[in-house]
Each structure stands twice: as C-alpha cells, then as structure tokens.
Protein backbone atom coordinates (compact mmCIF):
# COMPACT_ATOMS: atom_id res chain seq x y z
CA MET A 1 134.09 -147.56 99.30
CA ALA A 2 129.98 -148.37 99.46
CA ILE A 3 129.90 -146.23 102.44
CA LEU A 4 131.27 -143.42 100.56
CA ASN A 5 128.65 -143.91 97.91
CA LEU A 6 125.79 -144.14 100.60
CA GLY A 7 126.52 -140.96 101.89
CA VAL A 8 126.85 -139.37 98.73
CA ARG A 9 123.13 -140.64 98.09
CA TRP A 10 122.04 -140.06 101.18
CA PRO A 11 120.63 -136.92 100.46
CA MET A 12 118.60 -138.06 97.47
CA LEU A 13 117.42 -141.09 99.02
CA TRP A 14 115.86 -138.19 101.42
CA ARG A 15 114.07 -136.35 99.24
CA TRP A 16 111.90 -139.23 97.41
CA VAL A 17 111.06 -140.17 100.93
CA LEU A 18 109.49 -136.59 101.68
CA LEU A 19 108.14 -136.67 98.29
CA LEU A 20 106.55 -140.13 99.61
CA LEU A 21 105.36 -138.72 102.97
CA LEU A 22 103.73 -135.31 100.73
CA GLY A 23 101.71 -137.92 98.70
CA VAL A 24 100.43 -139.61 101.48
CA VAL A 25 99.36 -136.59 103.32
CA VAL A 26 97.68 -135.52 100.09
CA ALA A 27 95.82 -138.43 99.88
CA CYS A 28 94.58 -138.14 103.33
CA ALA A 29 93.43 -134.98 103.05
CA ALA A 30 91.40 -136.29 99.62
CA LEU A 31 89.91 -139.50 101.66
CA VAL A 32 88.64 -137.79 104.75
CA PRO A 33 86.27 -134.75 103.81
CA GLN A 34 87.46 -131.67 105.24
CA HIS A 35 86.01 -130.27 108.33
CA GLY A 36 83.62 -133.00 108.38
CA TRP A 37 82.03 -132.29 104.63
CA ASP A 38 80.55 -135.09 102.58
CA ALA A 39 81.08 -134.59 98.86
CA ASN A 40 77.62 -136.51 98.46
CA PHE A 41 76.26 -133.51 99.60
CA GLY A 42 77.36 -131.57 96.47
CA PRO A 43 79.86 -128.81 95.86
CA VAL A 44 80.95 -126.64 98.48
CA VAL A 45 79.24 -123.40 98.86
CA PRO A 46 81.51 -120.05 98.87
CA HIS A 47 81.05 -118.78 102.70
CA ASP A 48 83.00 -115.42 101.90
CA SER A 49 80.06 -113.08 102.35
CA PHE A 50 78.29 -115.45 105.77
CA PRO A 51 78.72 -114.08 109.07
CA ALA A 52 81.53 -115.71 110.64
CA ASP A 53 79.47 -117.37 113.36
CA CYS A 54 79.09 -120.91 111.95
CA SER A 55 77.00 -121.77 115.09
CA LEU A 56 74.23 -119.62 113.86
CA CYS A 57 73.16 -121.95 110.49
CA HIS A 58 75.51 -125.45 111.83
CA GLN A 59 75.23 -127.68 114.52
CA ALA A 60 78.41 -128.31 116.94
CA GLY A 61 80.45 -131.14 116.33
CA GLY A 62 79.85 -131.31 112.16
CA TRP A 63 79.25 -129.04 109.40
CA HIS A 64 77.40 -131.02 107.35
CA GLN A 65 74.14 -130.60 109.63
CA LEU A 66 72.15 -127.38 109.95
CA ARG A 67 70.38 -126.59 113.39
CA ALA A 68 67.11 -128.09 113.77
CA ASP A 69 65.80 -124.43 114.66
CA PHE A 70 67.08 -123.07 111.23
CA THR A 71 64.86 -120.53 109.37
CA TYR A 72 65.70 -118.80 106.22
CA ASP A 73 63.25 -115.84 104.97
CA HIS A 74 64.31 -116.29 101.56
CA GLN A 75 61.65 -113.92 100.19
CA LYS A 76 62.52 -111.38 102.60
CA ALA A 77 66.22 -111.70 102.58
CA THR A 78 67.06 -112.14 98.51
CA GLY A 79 63.67 -110.47 96.86
CA VAL A 80 63.13 -114.03 95.47
CA GLU A 81 59.63 -115.72 96.76
CA LEU A 82 60.35 -119.95 96.65
CA ARG A 83 57.25 -121.56 95.36
CA GLY A 84 55.89 -125.37 95.08
CA ALA A 85 58.69 -127.50 94.88
CA HIS A 86 60.97 -124.69 95.03
CA ALA A 87 60.36 -123.98 98.51
CA ASN A 88 61.72 -127.38 99.60
CA ALA A 89 64.27 -127.84 97.26
CA GLY A 90 68.02 -128.29 98.98
CA CYS A 91 69.91 -124.85 98.99
CA LEU A 92 72.96 -126.56 97.24
CA LEU A 93 70.98 -127.24 94.20
CA CYS A 94 71.04 -123.39 93.30
CA HIS A 95 73.62 -122.23 95.30
CA ASN A 96 77.28 -123.88 94.72
CA ASP A 97 80.31 -123.12 93.18
CA ARG A 98 78.88 -123.38 89.52
CA GLY A 99 78.75 -119.23 90.08
CA PRO A 100 76.40 -116.77 91.11
CA VAL A 101 72.65 -117.71 91.22
CA GLN A 102 71.64 -114.49 89.47
CA GLN A 103 73.58 -115.91 86.45
CA PHE A 104 71.85 -119.00 86.13
CA ALA A 105 68.31 -117.68 87.32
CA ALA A 106 68.11 -115.00 84.63
CA GLN A 107 68.04 -118.13 82.02
CA GLY A 108 64.72 -118.68 83.85
CA CYS A 109 63.81 -122.75 83.58
CA ALA A 110 66.79 -123.62 81.32
CA GLY A 111 69.26 -122.12 83.99
CA CYS A 112 68.99 -125.08 86.10
CA HIS A 113 66.80 -127.83 83.90
CA ALA A 114 67.83 -129.42 81.84
CA ASP A 115 65.76 -129.75 78.37
CA PRO A 116 65.11 -133.41 77.72
CA HIS A 117 62.75 -132.46 74.86
CA LEU A 118 65.96 -131.57 72.68
CA ASP A 119 64.42 -128.19 72.12
CA ARG A 120 61.50 -129.27 70.25
CA LEU A 121 58.82 -127.78 72.51
CA GLY A 122 60.01 -124.50 73.18
CA ARG A 123 61.85 -123.01 75.52
CA ASN A 124 58.83 -121.63 77.67
CA CYS A 125 58.32 -124.49 80.00
CA GLY A 126 55.27 -122.66 81.82
CA ASP A 127 53.20 -123.84 78.95
CA CYS A 128 52.81 -127.36 80.21
CA HIS A 129 54.41 -127.44 83.78
CA GLN A 130 54.86 -125.74 86.87
CA GLU A 131 56.53 -125.02 90.28
CA ARG A 132 54.39 -127.87 92.23
CA THR A 133 55.19 -130.39 90.18
CA TRP A 134 57.40 -131.43 87.19
CA THR A 135 53.76 -133.43 85.77
CA PRO A 136 52.81 -131.65 82.88
CA ASN A 137 48.83 -129.02 83.32
CA ASP A 138 46.53 -130.37 81.30
CA ALA A 139 47.95 -132.60 78.80
CA ILE A 140 45.23 -134.17 77.36
CA ALA A 141 43.70 -130.84 76.43
CA ARG A 142 46.91 -129.66 75.11
CA HIS A 143 46.80 -132.52 72.72
CA ASP A 144 43.81 -131.94 71.56
CA ARG A 145 45.31 -128.65 69.56
CA THR A 146 47.64 -131.38 67.60
CA ARG A 147 46.13 -133.48 64.76
CA PHE A 148 45.62 -136.71 67.48
CA PRO A 149 43.04 -135.45 69.96
CA LEU A 150 43.15 -138.13 72.92
CA VAL A 151 39.76 -139.46 72.81
CA GLY A 152 38.41 -142.72 74.91
CA PRO A 153 41.15 -145.05 75.86
CA HIS A 154 43.95 -143.03 74.22
CA ALA A 155 43.24 -140.27 77.06
CA ALA A 156 44.59 -143.07 80.01
CA ALA A 157 47.13 -144.51 78.01
CA ALA A 158 51.00 -143.73 79.17
CA CYS A 159 52.76 -141.24 76.74
CA PHE A 160 55.31 -143.49 76.19
CA ARG A 161 52.87 -146.07 74.44
CA CYS A 162 52.69 -143.78 71.64
CA HIS A 163 55.69 -141.75 71.88
CA PRO A 164 58.38 -144.38 72.64
CA GLY A 165 60.93 -141.54 73.80
CA ALA A 166 58.50 -139.84 76.24
CA GLN A 167 60.02 -141.28 79.28
CA VAL A 168 63.32 -138.94 77.97
CA GLY A 169 61.20 -135.96 77.20
CA ASN A 170 61.26 -137.19 73.54
CA PHE A 171 57.56 -136.60 72.36
CA ALA A 172 58.06 -135.90 68.50
CA GLY A 173 57.32 -138.63 65.54
CA ALA A 174 54.21 -140.13 67.00
CA PRO A 175 52.57 -141.60 63.62
CA VAL A 176 48.63 -141.23 63.97
CA GLU A 177 47.63 -144.13 61.66
CA CYS A 178 45.61 -146.63 63.71
CA SER A 179 47.35 -149.35 62.07
CA GLN A 180 50.75 -148.63 63.68
CA CYS A 181 49.66 -148.58 66.88
CA HIS A 182 46.97 -151.28 66.64
CA ARG A 183 48.89 -154.05 63.81
CA ASP A 184 48.99 -156.76 66.83
CA ASP A 185 45.27 -156.41 66.91
CA ARG A 186 44.39 -156.46 63.19
CA ASP A 187 46.64 -159.10 62.76
CA ARG A 188 45.04 -161.55 65.60
CA THR A 189 41.80 -160.47 64.25
CA VAL A 190 39.48 -163.62 62.62
CA ASP A 191 36.13 -162.62 62.77
CA PRO A 192 36.13 -160.86 59.97
CA ASN A 193 40.06 -162.05 59.23
CA HIS A 194 41.49 -158.65 58.28
CA VAL A 195 44.60 -159.60 57.22
CA GLN A 196 42.96 -162.04 54.43
CA LEU A 197 40.24 -159.85 53.58
CA GLY A 198 42.89 -156.67 53.37
CA TYR A 199 41.83 -154.97 56.16
CA VAL A 200 45.05 -153.43 56.71
CA ASP A 201 44.85 -149.70 57.08
CA ARG A 202 42.02 -147.04 57.74
CA CYS A 203 40.57 -148.66 61.11
CA GLU A 204 38.48 -145.74 61.39
CA ARG A 205 35.81 -147.10 58.89
CA CYS A 206 35.12 -149.69 61.25
CA HIS A 207 36.28 -148.38 64.74
CA VAL A 208 35.81 -145.34 66.80
CA PRO A 209 38.33 -144.49 69.30
CA VAL A 210 35.83 -145.02 72.13
CA ASP A 211 36.66 -148.29 71.89
CA TRP A 212 37.57 -151.20 69.72
CA ARG A 213 34.78 -153.09 70.19
CA PRO A 214 31.65 -153.13 68.67
CA ALA A 215 32.88 -152.70 65.05
CA ARG A 216 30.55 -150.52 62.98
CA PHE A 217 30.28 -151.31 59.31
CA ASP A 218 28.59 -149.71 56.51
CA HIS A 219 26.03 -152.41 55.25
CA PRO A 220 25.06 -152.13 51.98
CA ALA A 221 21.50 -149.72 51.47
CA SER A 222 19.98 -152.72 50.10
CA PHE A 223 20.07 -154.58 53.57
CA PRO A 224 20.27 -152.06 56.47
CA LEU A 225 21.16 -153.15 59.46
CA THR A 226 18.67 -152.03 62.10
CA GLN A 227 17.30 -152.63 65.13
CA GLY A 228 17.20 -156.31 65.77
CA HIS A 229 19.83 -156.55 62.82
CA ALA A 230 22.54 -154.31 64.34
CA GLY A 231 25.22 -155.14 66.89
CA ARG A 232 24.98 -158.33 65.80
CA SER A 233 28.28 -160.58 64.65
CA CYS A 234 28.91 -161.03 60.87
CA ARG A 235 29.15 -164.72 61.18
CA SER A 236 25.64 -164.63 62.67
CA CYS A 237 24.58 -164.20 59.13
CA HIS A 238 27.85 -164.71 57.00
CA GLN A 239 28.19 -168.22 58.35
CA THR A 240 31.15 -169.55 55.77
CA PRO A 241 34.17 -167.84 57.53
CA ASN A 242 35.43 -164.78 55.88
CA VAL A 243 32.85 -164.90 53.00
CA PHE A 244 30.35 -161.88 53.00
CA THR A 245 28.66 -161.41 49.40
CA GLY A 246 25.75 -163.78 47.80
CA LEU A 247 23.81 -163.86 50.74
CA SER A 248 20.01 -163.87 49.80
CA THR A 249 18.43 -160.41 50.95
CA ASP A 250 14.61 -162.42 51.84
CA CYS A 251 14.08 -162.96 55.46
CA ALA A 252 13.01 -166.75 54.87
CA SER A 253 16.49 -167.29 53.65
CA CYS A 254 17.78 -166.81 57.44
CA HIS A 255 14.17 -167.34 59.27
CA ALA A 256 12.88 -170.06 57.56
CA ASP A 257 12.43 -171.85 61.07
CA ARG A 258 10.57 -169.34 62.96
CA TYR A 259 8.06 -169.49 59.93
CA THR A 260 8.06 -173.28 60.07
CA ASN A 261 7.84 -173.49 63.96
CA ALA A 262 4.84 -170.73 64.48
CA LEU A 263 1.87 -172.18 65.64
CA GLU A 264 -0.28 -169.17 66.52
CA PRO A 265 -1.02 -168.42 63.80
CA ALA A 266 0.57 -171.91 61.69
CA HIS A 267 1.78 -170.01 58.98
CA GLY A 268 2.25 -172.99 56.48
CA SER A 269 -1.29 -174.59 56.99
CA ALA A 270 -2.57 -170.74 56.65
CA GLY A 271 -1.27 -170.61 53.85
CA PHE A 272 0.77 -167.46 54.62
CA GLY A 273 3.46 -166.30 52.52
CA THR A 274 7.07 -166.16 53.20
CA ALA A 275 7.60 -162.26 52.94
CA CYS A 276 7.89 -161.95 56.54
CA ALA A 277 8.31 -158.32 56.51
CA GLN A 278 4.34 -158.13 55.80
CA CYS A 279 4.07 -158.77 59.51
CA HIS A 280 7.17 -158.50 60.84
CA GLY A 281 9.63 -155.68 61.75
CA SER A 282 13.35 -156.01 62.39
CA ARG A 283 12.75 -154.77 66.23
CA GLY A 284 12.16 -157.97 67.05
CA TRP A 285 9.91 -161.45 65.67
CA ALA A 286 7.15 -160.86 68.26
CA PRO A 287 4.77 -158.67 68.15
CA ALA A 288 3.36 -159.10 64.61
CA SER A 289 1.07 -156.54 62.93
CA TRP A 290 -1.08 -157.75 60.14
CA PRO A 291 -2.87 -155.85 57.97
CA HIS A 292 -6.68 -156.96 58.70
CA PRO A 293 -9.42 -156.35 55.82
CA THR A 294 -10.96 -153.08 55.65
CA THR A 295 -13.88 -154.78 55.85
CA PHE A 296 -13.10 -155.16 59.64
CA PRO A 297 -10.53 -153.31 60.93
CA LEU A 298 -8.91 -154.75 64.17
CA THR A 299 -9.25 -151.21 66.41
CA PHE A 300 -9.30 -150.97 70.32
CA ALA A 301 -10.03 -154.10 72.12
CA HIS A 302 -10.04 -155.70 69.13
CA ALA A 303 -6.48 -155.08 68.05
CA GLY A 304 -3.69 -157.35 70.00
CA ARG A 305 -5.66 -160.26 70.38
CA ARG A 306 -4.08 -163.51 69.22
CA CYS A 307 -5.65 -164.40 65.45
CA THR A 308 -7.33 -167.72 67.40
CA ALA A 309 -9.36 -165.59 69.60
CA CYS A 310 -11.20 -165.05 66.47
CA HIS A 311 -10.44 -167.64 64.13
CA ALA A 312 -11.20 -171.03 65.85
CA GLY A 313 -9.30 -173.83 64.73
CA GLN A 314 -6.65 -172.19 62.77
CA VAL A 315 -9.33 -171.07 60.08
CA TYR A 316 -8.57 -167.86 58.62
CA GLN A 317 -11.16 -167.91 55.66
CA GLY A 318 -15.29 -167.30 55.91
CA THR A 319 -15.07 -165.88 59.54
CA SER A 320 -18.15 -163.86 59.78
CA GLY A 321 -17.89 -160.26 60.23
CA THR A 322 -20.91 -159.79 62.55
CA CYS A 323 -21.08 -159.00 66.20
CA SER A 324 -22.89 -161.70 67.54
CA SER A 325 -20.98 -164.50 65.91
CA CYS A 326 -18.34 -163.90 68.71
CA HIS A 327 -20.30 -161.54 71.43
CA LEU A 328 -24.02 -163.52 71.36
CA ALA A 329 -23.40 -164.98 75.05
CA ALA A 330 -22.36 -161.30 75.78
CA PHE A 331 -25.99 -160.11 74.20
CA GLN A 332 -27.32 -163.24 76.10
CA ASN A 333 -26.19 -162.48 79.58
CA THR A 334 -26.92 -158.76 79.71
CA ARG A 335 -29.23 -157.74 81.97
CA ASN A 336 -29.49 -154.04 82.14
CA PRO A 337 -31.21 -153.79 80.26
CA ASN A 338 -32.14 -157.53 79.09
CA HIS A 339 -31.39 -157.26 75.41
CA VAL A 340 -33.21 -160.96 74.56
CA GLN A 341 -37.05 -159.74 76.50
CA LEU A 342 -36.58 -156.39 75.06
CA GLY A 343 -36.17 -157.63 71.91
CA TYR A 344 -33.12 -155.80 71.02
CA PRO A 345 -31.20 -156.13 67.62
CA THR A 346 -27.73 -158.22 67.19
CA ASP A 347 -26.54 -155.81 65.75
CA CYS A 348 -24.25 -155.06 68.51
CA ALA A 349 -22.15 -151.43 66.87
CA ALA A 350 -26.09 -149.77 67.47
CA CYS A 351 -24.93 -149.18 70.72
CA HIS A 352 -21.50 -150.56 71.90
CA ARG A 353 -18.05 -149.76 70.64
CA THR A 354 -14.61 -151.49 70.05
CA ALA A 355 -13.32 -149.96 73.14
CA SER A 356 -15.42 -151.98 76.10
CA TRP A 357 -18.23 -154.20 75.88
CA ARG A 358 -19.26 -151.65 78.70
CA GLY A 359 -20.57 -148.31 78.02
CA GLY A 360 -22.93 -148.70 75.28
CA THR A 361 -24.83 -145.87 74.26
CA SER A 362 -28.54 -146.29 72.97
CA GLU A 363 -30.04 -143.76 70.76
CA HIS A 364 -32.86 -142.07 73.84
CA PRO A 365 -36.07 -140.90 72.14
CA ALA A 366 -35.49 -137.49 71.08
CA THR A 367 -37.96 -136.31 73.05
CA PHE A 368 -35.57 -136.61 75.90
CA PRO A 369 -31.97 -136.63 75.18
CA LEU A 370 -29.91 -137.98 77.51
CA GLN A 371 -27.68 -135.03 78.13
CA ASN A 372 -24.76 -134.77 80.44
CA ALA A 373 -26.11 -135.91 84.16
CA HIS A 374 -29.05 -137.96 82.42
CA GLN A 375 -26.45 -140.29 81.01
CA ARG A 376 -26.36 -142.94 83.48
CA ALA A 377 -27.53 -146.71 83.68
CA CYS A 378 -30.63 -147.72 82.38
CA SER A 379 -32.18 -149.09 85.59
CA THR A 380 -31.68 -145.46 87.49
CA CYS A 381 -34.84 -144.46 85.12
CA HIS A 382 -36.30 -147.19 84.60
CA THR A 383 -36.60 -149.11 87.76
CA THR A 384 -39.47 -151.29 86.47
CA PRO A 385 -37.28 -154.71 85.38
CA GLY A 386 -37.10 -155.14 81.36
CA THR A 387 -39.83 -152.15 81.01
CA TYR A 388 -38.27 -149.19 79.04
CA SER A 389 -41.65 -147.36 78.02
CA GLY A 390 -43.96 -145.13 79.37
CA LEU A 391 -42.07 -143.18 81.24
CA SER A 392 -43.50 -139.28 81.83
CA PRO A 393 -40.58 -137.04 80.89
CA GLN A 394 -41.93 -134.46 82.94
CA CYS A 395 -38.72 -133.57 85.70
CA ALA A 396 -41.37 -134.02 88.46
CA ALA A 397 -41.64 -137.66 87.96
CA CYS A 398 -38.11 -138.20 88.58
CA HIS A 399 -37.05 -135.20 90.95
CA GLN A 400 -40.50 -134.70 92.88
CA ALA A 401 -37.92 -135.43 96.18
CA GLU A 402 -35.70 -132.81 95.02
CA TYR A 403 -38.81 -129.78 94.25
CA GLN A 404 -40.27 -130.94 98.03
CA ALA A 405 -36.76 -130.81 99.79
CA THR A 406 -35.76 -127.47 98.35
CA SER A 407 -36.38 -124.96 101.08
CA ASN A 408 -34.23 -121.97 99.45
CA PRO A 409 -36.88 -121.03 98.30
CA PRO A 410 -39.69 -123.24 99.24
CA HIS A 411 -40.73 -124.53 95.98
CA ALA A 412 -43.70 -126.30 97.24
CA ALA A 413 -44.33 -123.03 99.33
CA TYR A 414 -43.96 -120.89 96.90
CA GLN A 415 -46.22 -122.99 94.30
CA MET A 416 -43.53 -122.96 92.20
CA SER A 417 -43.90 -124.77 88.46
CA THR A 418 -42.85 -128.29 88.40
CA GLN A 419 -41.39 -127.66 84.91
CA CYS A 420 -37.67 -127.59 86.28
CA GLN A 421 -35.90 -126.88 83.39
CA GLN A 422 -37.57 -123.50 83.87
CA CYS A 423 -34.49 -123.17 86.55
CA HIS A 424 -32.25 -126.02 86.44
CA GLY A 425 -30.10 -127.47 83.77
CA THR A 426 -29.49 -131.26 83.13
CA ALA A 427 -26.02 -130.65 84.55
CA ALA A 428 -26.62 -130.57 88.06
CA TRP A 429 -29.42 -129.62 90.24
CA ARG A 430 -27.16 -126.67 91.65
CA PRO A 431 -26.71 -124.05 90.85
CA ALA A 432 -29.89 -123.11 89.61
CA THR A 433 -31.01 -119.76 87.22
CA PHE A 434 -34.32 -118.37 88.20
CA VAL A 435 -35.83 -115.65 85.73
CA HIS A 436 -37.66 -113.09 87.96
CA ARG A 437 -41.72 -112.62 87.08
CA PHE A 438 -41.04 -109.35 87.81
CA PRO A 439 -37.97 -106.85 86.92
CA ILE A 440 -37.39 -105.26 90.34
CA THR A 441 -33.69 -107.00 90.50
CA SER A 442 -31.56 -104.35 89.58
CA GLY A 443 -30.36 -101.27 91.69
CA GLU A 444 -31.20 -101.26 94.80
CA HIS A 445 -33.17 -104.56 94.84
CA ARG A 446 -30.28 -106.35 93.68
CA ASN A 447 -29.46 -109.44 95.29
CA LEU A 448 -32.13 -109.55 97.95
CA ALA A 449 -33.21 -112.58 99.46
CA CYS A 450 -36.76 -114.09 98.26
CA PHE A 451 -38.15 -113.38 101.69
CA ASP A 452 -37.11 -109.73 102.14
CA CYS A 453 -40.10 -109.25 99.63
CA HIS A 454 -41.83 -112.48 100.07
CA ASP A 455 -42.31 -112.01 103.69
CA ASN A 456 -46.25 -113.32 104.21
CA ALA A 457 -46.00 -116.71 105.18
CA ALA A 458 -49.31 -117.64 104.65
CA ASN A 459 -49.29 -116.93 101.05
CA ARG A 460 -45.24 -116.01 99.88
CA ALA A 461 -46.39 -115.75 96.45
CA GLN A 462 -47.59 -112.20 97.91
CA PHE A 463 -45.47 -109.22 98.39
CA GLU A 464 -45.90 -105.61 99.36
CA CYS A 465 -44.21 -102.60 98.37
CA ILE A 466 -45.62 -100.72 101.14
CA HIS A 467 -44.43 -103.03 103.72
CA CYS A 468 -40.61 -102.22 102.63
CA HIS A 469 -41.34 -98.58 101.99
CA GLU A 470 -43.19 -97.13 105.18
CA HIS A 471 -44.73 -94.52 103.36
CA ARG A 472 -47.67 -92.02 104.41
CA GLN A 473 -50.56 -92.60 102.73
CA THR A 474 -51.67 -88.62 103.14
CA LYS A 475 -48.10 -88.02 101.82
CA MET A 476 -47.95 -90.24 98.56
CA ASN A 477 -51.73 -89.23 98.30
CA ASP A 478 -50.14 -85.42 97.97
CA GLU A 479 -47.38 -85.91 95.94
CA HIS A 480 -49.31 -88.16 93.52
CA ARG A 481 -52.14 -85.79 92.94
CA GLY A 482 -52.89 -85.05 89.64
CA VAL A 483 -51.35 -88.75 88.66
CA SER A 484 -53.89 -90.41 86.83
CA GLY A 485 -54.84 -93.74 87.81
CA TYR A 486 -53.05 -93.39 90.90
CA VAL A 487 -54.21 -95.98 94.19
CA TRP A 488 -52.42 -96.21 97.82
CA ALA A 489 -51.87 -100.51 96.80
CA SER A 490 -49.03 -102.37 95.84
CA ALA A 491 -50.30 -103.46 92.68
CA ASN A 492 -50.54 -99.83 91.36
CA CYS A 493 -47.29 -98.59 92.87
CA TYR A 494 -45.46 -101.47 90.78
CA GLN A 495 -47.40 -100.38 87.46
CA CYS A 496 -45.55 -97.13 87.33
CA HIS A 497 -42.66 -98.17 89.03
CA PRO A 498 -41.54 -101.68 87.46
CA ARG A 499 -38.08 -100.93 88.48
CA GLY A 500 -38.53 -99.56 92.04
CA ARG A 501 -37.03 -96.35 90.92
CA HIS A 502 -38.76 -92.89 91.16
C-alpha cells in the first residue's frame, strides 16, 4: 500500500527536485559574473551598436580588461570634446544602462552631478567650478560679494569652520557676528575680563580681522595714547584688575620714579616741576627738550648738550651768559690770530657763531673787504706773527709773483698796470677781463692775439697799423689827397680809422 502511495507521489517529488536544481543554477549564475564581468565596475553597457569584433577593445581571456593600446577619439567619434577631469573619467560613468547619455548631457552638470548645495546656490555650476577640478574658483574673491568679505586669517580658514555644512555642500546660515565664532576667545580673555566688563558683542570696536592682537581701543580724548603710550597692555597703567576709571592724567602719577631718579639734571634739587610734558614727549623719556631762557637761546652747537656741560654742580641759577665764561680757555689758546696779544675783546660773538668755534669772521676794514677768494686765514696775508696792521692794500703787495710770471700777455714787458683789479676779480685770478685802450677790437680785429698787433719785441706797447696793412705809400697818398691832416704814420691812421674801418 505504501509502495503504491510512493508511486502515486513520485511525479510530484520530481517536480520539487527540478525546481531545486533550477534555483541552484540561477543562484550560480548570479554569483558567477557573466563572461567574467564584475558588478563593481558598474552596470553593463549595451553593446548593440558596437562592432561584433570584441578584440577591437577587449583583451583576450577577460571582458573586464581593455587592450593596453586601446584609444578612442571621443571628439572625432561623437563631436563632444572631453576636457579636464572628464578626459580621464571611466566610460561607464556616463555611458551605462541608465539611458541615452544625450538625455543627461542636455541637463548640464546636474545631469551627472547631484547638487550638494540643495539648489541654494543656483544650477549654474560653472560660476564656481571648472572641469579640471571640483575645487571652486576664486572662492575668496566671490566671498567678497557677500556681507562678510574674507580678510586676514579668515581667508585661510577652512570653509567648515564657519559653515558647518560645508563638507556636504551646505554654505547657508553662517553668522557674521564675531561673537558667534569667537565666543571662546572672549570668555577666556582676562586682561581685561571681557565677560565681567560686559564686552560681549561688537568685537570690531577693538579688534580687526587681520589679527586678534593687538587690540585697539578709543582711549578718552583727555589722555590720547600716542607714540610711547600706544601699544601697551592696559594693566601697564590700570594695575588694579578690571578697573579702568579714576586714574590721574598727571605724568607724575606714573613717572614719579623717573622724576626722582633723574640725575642730570637732578629734577628735585633743581626745583623742576612735575609737569613732565614741559620737557618730555610721549615718544620717549629721552631726549628731553627744555625751553631755555630767550636771553641765551640754545642754537647749533649749544643745542643738544648735557645741562651739566654749562651748569656745573647742578646749579641752574645765576650762570653768566657771556661767551668767555665758558670759552675763556679757547680765547686764550687761539694763536691765529693771537687773541690775547692783539687785545681782542672777549665778546666772542663779534667774530664767532654758535655753529662752530672755527671759521670766525672778523669785520675787516672797509678799505679792503674780504670777498670771495680773499676770505682766507689771517696768517695767509699777515705773515708776521701778531702783526695785523700796516699792510698795503695794493694787489701787487701780495700778487707780484703772479704779475711777473704771467706771459699771455706778459704783464711786465707790456708795462701793464699793477692795479690788478682793472682786469682781475677777487673770485679767482683767472679768467681776467681786459678793456683795450683803443677800440680796435671789433669787426676783422675781433679775437686777435695781443702779439698780432704788438709785434715789436723791444717795445710791446708800440704798434704799427702799416705792419699789417702793407699799403703803398704812393697809393695811399693819392687816395688821401685833399684829406686834412693826412700823414703816412700809424698814429694818424688810427685817428681817422679808430675801429679799423674805411
């Protein structure tokens, strides 16, 4: 009976076995990639329109490897040039079983690239990105168009430091108030304590985006922080923590120790007041400037000297204002000229100035003013030591050697005057100007050398017109017949022809 029942059920059992075997085959087909294709490479691209010769693209023995020498000119084959990173992208990233690639290319960047900005920055990706890399172009310059330009360290900060969603493309909702990002900096600042003093917002009142330190603060106009007072920490003056009111603006309230310790001059014993600003500025404690009495102004070499250079023993009252009270030794030791021997007065200012002791100028007699090259040391002319009178004011008294040595023209041979000033000036011996005694210096006679006319070596002062103008006396006599006073002689020629003309 059981056998009979088994026979009755046998066809049904076979059906179950066949279904089981079919399931195993299907499972194996799913586990083993068709033709060796790995699903990790992406979807299989339909090859319906491809050439039947697979070896044109694939290597033998596996469908997932392209030939090493495989090349494909995308622009030539499709009319679309692949630029930048697109040129190195795998074919399957665009060509797959999602559908025709033209359908997605028509959508622009959004056809392939999901918008991480959630459509908050528009769909024109090319405004910020380019095909070479996904990194945005000119991010800092574009940020300047927002209400928070990136200046200083802000330009180097990572986007996500201010935009928490930047790593997933979300740049919306970033605050522009300093305190929103710098709350921790504010809370841990103790000099001064920002929280305790209520400095909780508007950081830009003291800080700039270039750097957090140093901070700037509009100090009251009654005590501006200038030069040496600027750039110091608040507690340099406000030494009680977080107390910034009630301080005196008097210099001595901070600089009393400097006043007490100053030794040159000793401020206390000299009776100096504590109004430091009379002599000192905020640039630095030294050097100081003090308004010296107008009866003795400190000019040139007197300026910038130590007070004790004149006020010996730290005594600043009763010092004489006469030059000799300080310069008597210089007066007595001067030898050129010897001030003591010549009886010079001790009023040094008559010849000397405060610029320098040397180079004194004395009022030379008006009969011989010292001008130009004559402004020389006294001993140049007054060669006898200590003798400064009795010298002749005549030029030749000093310049006789130059007179004798001059050969163009030879002054001595021509018996020229020793009144050198007739031709020479005090600026220099050369060049000289000579006014010819006769006006034959124009026309054809211009620029003639002296010896052209004065050719008599025995008597250079003599000249003869007929030596140059070799006229025949008989011809000249005929041409001057009837001319009153005509004589065949150079002196007579000059009388009628003073400029050498007919």
